Amino acid sequence: MCAGCGAKAEGPQPTWTFSVENGERRYFCDVCSRENLRAIEGRLDSSWW
């Protein structure tokens, strides 16, 4: 499930982006990843964006 918007993956394993925040893996769907690419690359926690 996407940590950003709550979307659920259907079908085969998705190619979503994942981030480790406070020792916890968080997965983000393609839409959320594209919308927040600069924040992800800057390693900002998802709570910031």
C-alpha atoms as a PDB file:
ATOM      1  CA  MET A   1       0.000   0.000   0.000  1.00  0.00           C
ATOM      2  CA  CYS A   2       1.273   3.481  -0.866  1.00  0.00           C
ATOM      3  CA  ALA A   3       2.348   5.496   2.188  1.00  0.00           C
ATOM      4  CA  GLY A   4       1.426   8.699   0.353  1.00  0.00           C
ATOM      5  CA  CYS A   5      -2.059   8.201  -1.027  1.00  0.00           C
ATOM      6  CA  GLY A   6      -3.067   4.738   0.182  1.00  0.00           C
ATOM      7  CA  ALA A   7      -3.269   3.168  -3.294  1.00  0.00           C
ATOM      8  CA  LYS A   8      -3.089  -0.615  -3.326  1.00  0.00           C
ATOM      9  CA  ALA A   9      -0.975  -2.553  -5.809  1.00  0.00           C
ATOM     10  CA  GLU A  10      -2.819  -4.960  -8.064  1.00  0.00           C
ATOM     11  CA  GLY A  11      -1.316  -7.763 -10.104  1.00  0.00           C
ATOM     12  CA  PRO A  12       2.394  -8.581 -10.129  1.00  0.00           C
ATOM     13  CA  GLN A  13       4.974  -6.956  -7.856  1.00  0.00           C
ATOM     14  CA  PRO A  14       4.863  -3.186  -8.544  1.00  0.00           C
ATOM     15  CA  THR A  15       7.929  -1.098  -9.300  1.00  0.00           C
ATOM     16  CA  TRP A  16       7.206   1.443  -6.620  1.00  0.00           C
ATOM     17  CA  THR A  17       9.744   3.676  -4.899  1.00  0.00           C
ATOM     18  CA  PHE A  18      10.612   2.860  -1.335  1.00  0.00           C
ATOM     19  CA  SER A  19      12.182   4.876   1.424  1.00  0.00           C
ATOM     20  CA  VAL A  20      13.469   3.943   4.870  1.00  0.00           C
ATOM     21  CA  GLU A  21      12.308   6.430   7.490  1.00  0.00           C
ATOM     22  CA  ASN A  22      13.035   5.864  11.179  1.00  0.00           C
ATOM     23  CA  GLY A  23      13.949   2.248  10.397  1.00  0.00           C
ATOM     24  CA  GLU A  24      10.619   1.574   8.638  1.00  0.00           C
ATOM     25  CA  ARG A  25      10.203   0.889   4.918  1.00  0.00           C
ATOM     26  CA  ARG A  26       7.632   3.072   3.198  1.00  0.00           C
ATOM     27  CA  TYR A  27       6.471   2.392  -0.348  1.00  0.00           C
ATOM     28  CA  PHE A  28       5.218   5.092  -2.709  1.00  0.00           C
ATOM     29  CA  CYS A  29       3.220   4.566  -5.918  1.00  0.00           C
ATOM     30  CA  ASP A  30       4.366   5.960  -9.264  1.00  0.00           C
ATOM     31  CA  VAL A  31       2.086   9.015  -8.987  1.00  0.00           C
ATOM     32  CA  CYS A  32       3.306  10.003  -5.504  1.00  0.00           C
ATOM     33  CA  SER A  33       6.907   9.322  -6.509  1.00  0.00           C
ATOM     34  CA  ARG A  34       6.681  11.600  -9.547  1.00  0.00           C
ATOM     35  CA  GLU A  35       4.963  14.399  -7.625  1.00  0.00           C
ATOM     36  CA  ASN A  36       7.630  14.379  -4.905  1.00  0.00           C
ATOM     37  CA  LEU A  37      10.757  13.384  -6.824  1.00  0.00           C
ATOM     38  CA  ARG A  38      12.929  16.283  -5.618  1.00  0.00           C
ATOM     39  CA  ALA A  39      12.044  15.674  -1.965  1.00  0.00           C
ATOM     40  CA  ILE A  40      12.748  11.950  -2.349  1.00  0.00           C
ATOM     41  CA  GLU A  41      16.114  12.580  -4.005  1.00  0.00           C
ATOM     42  CA  GLY A  42      16.935  15.088  -1.262  1.00  0.00           C
ATOM     43  CA  ARG A  43      16.215  12.337   1.273  1.00  0.00           C
ATOM     44  CA  LEU A  44      13.546  14.366   3.032  1.00  0.00           C
ATOM     45  CA  ASP A  45      11.131  12.370   5.195  1.00  0.00           C
ATOM     46  CA  SER A  46       7.665  11.950   3.723  1.00  0.00           C
ATOM     47  CA  SER A  47       6.206  13.939   6.620  1.00  0.00           C
ATOM     48  CA  TRP A  48       8.013  16.999   5.196  1.00  0.00           C
ATOM     49  CA  TRP A  49       6.366  16.702   1.753  1.00  0.00           C
END
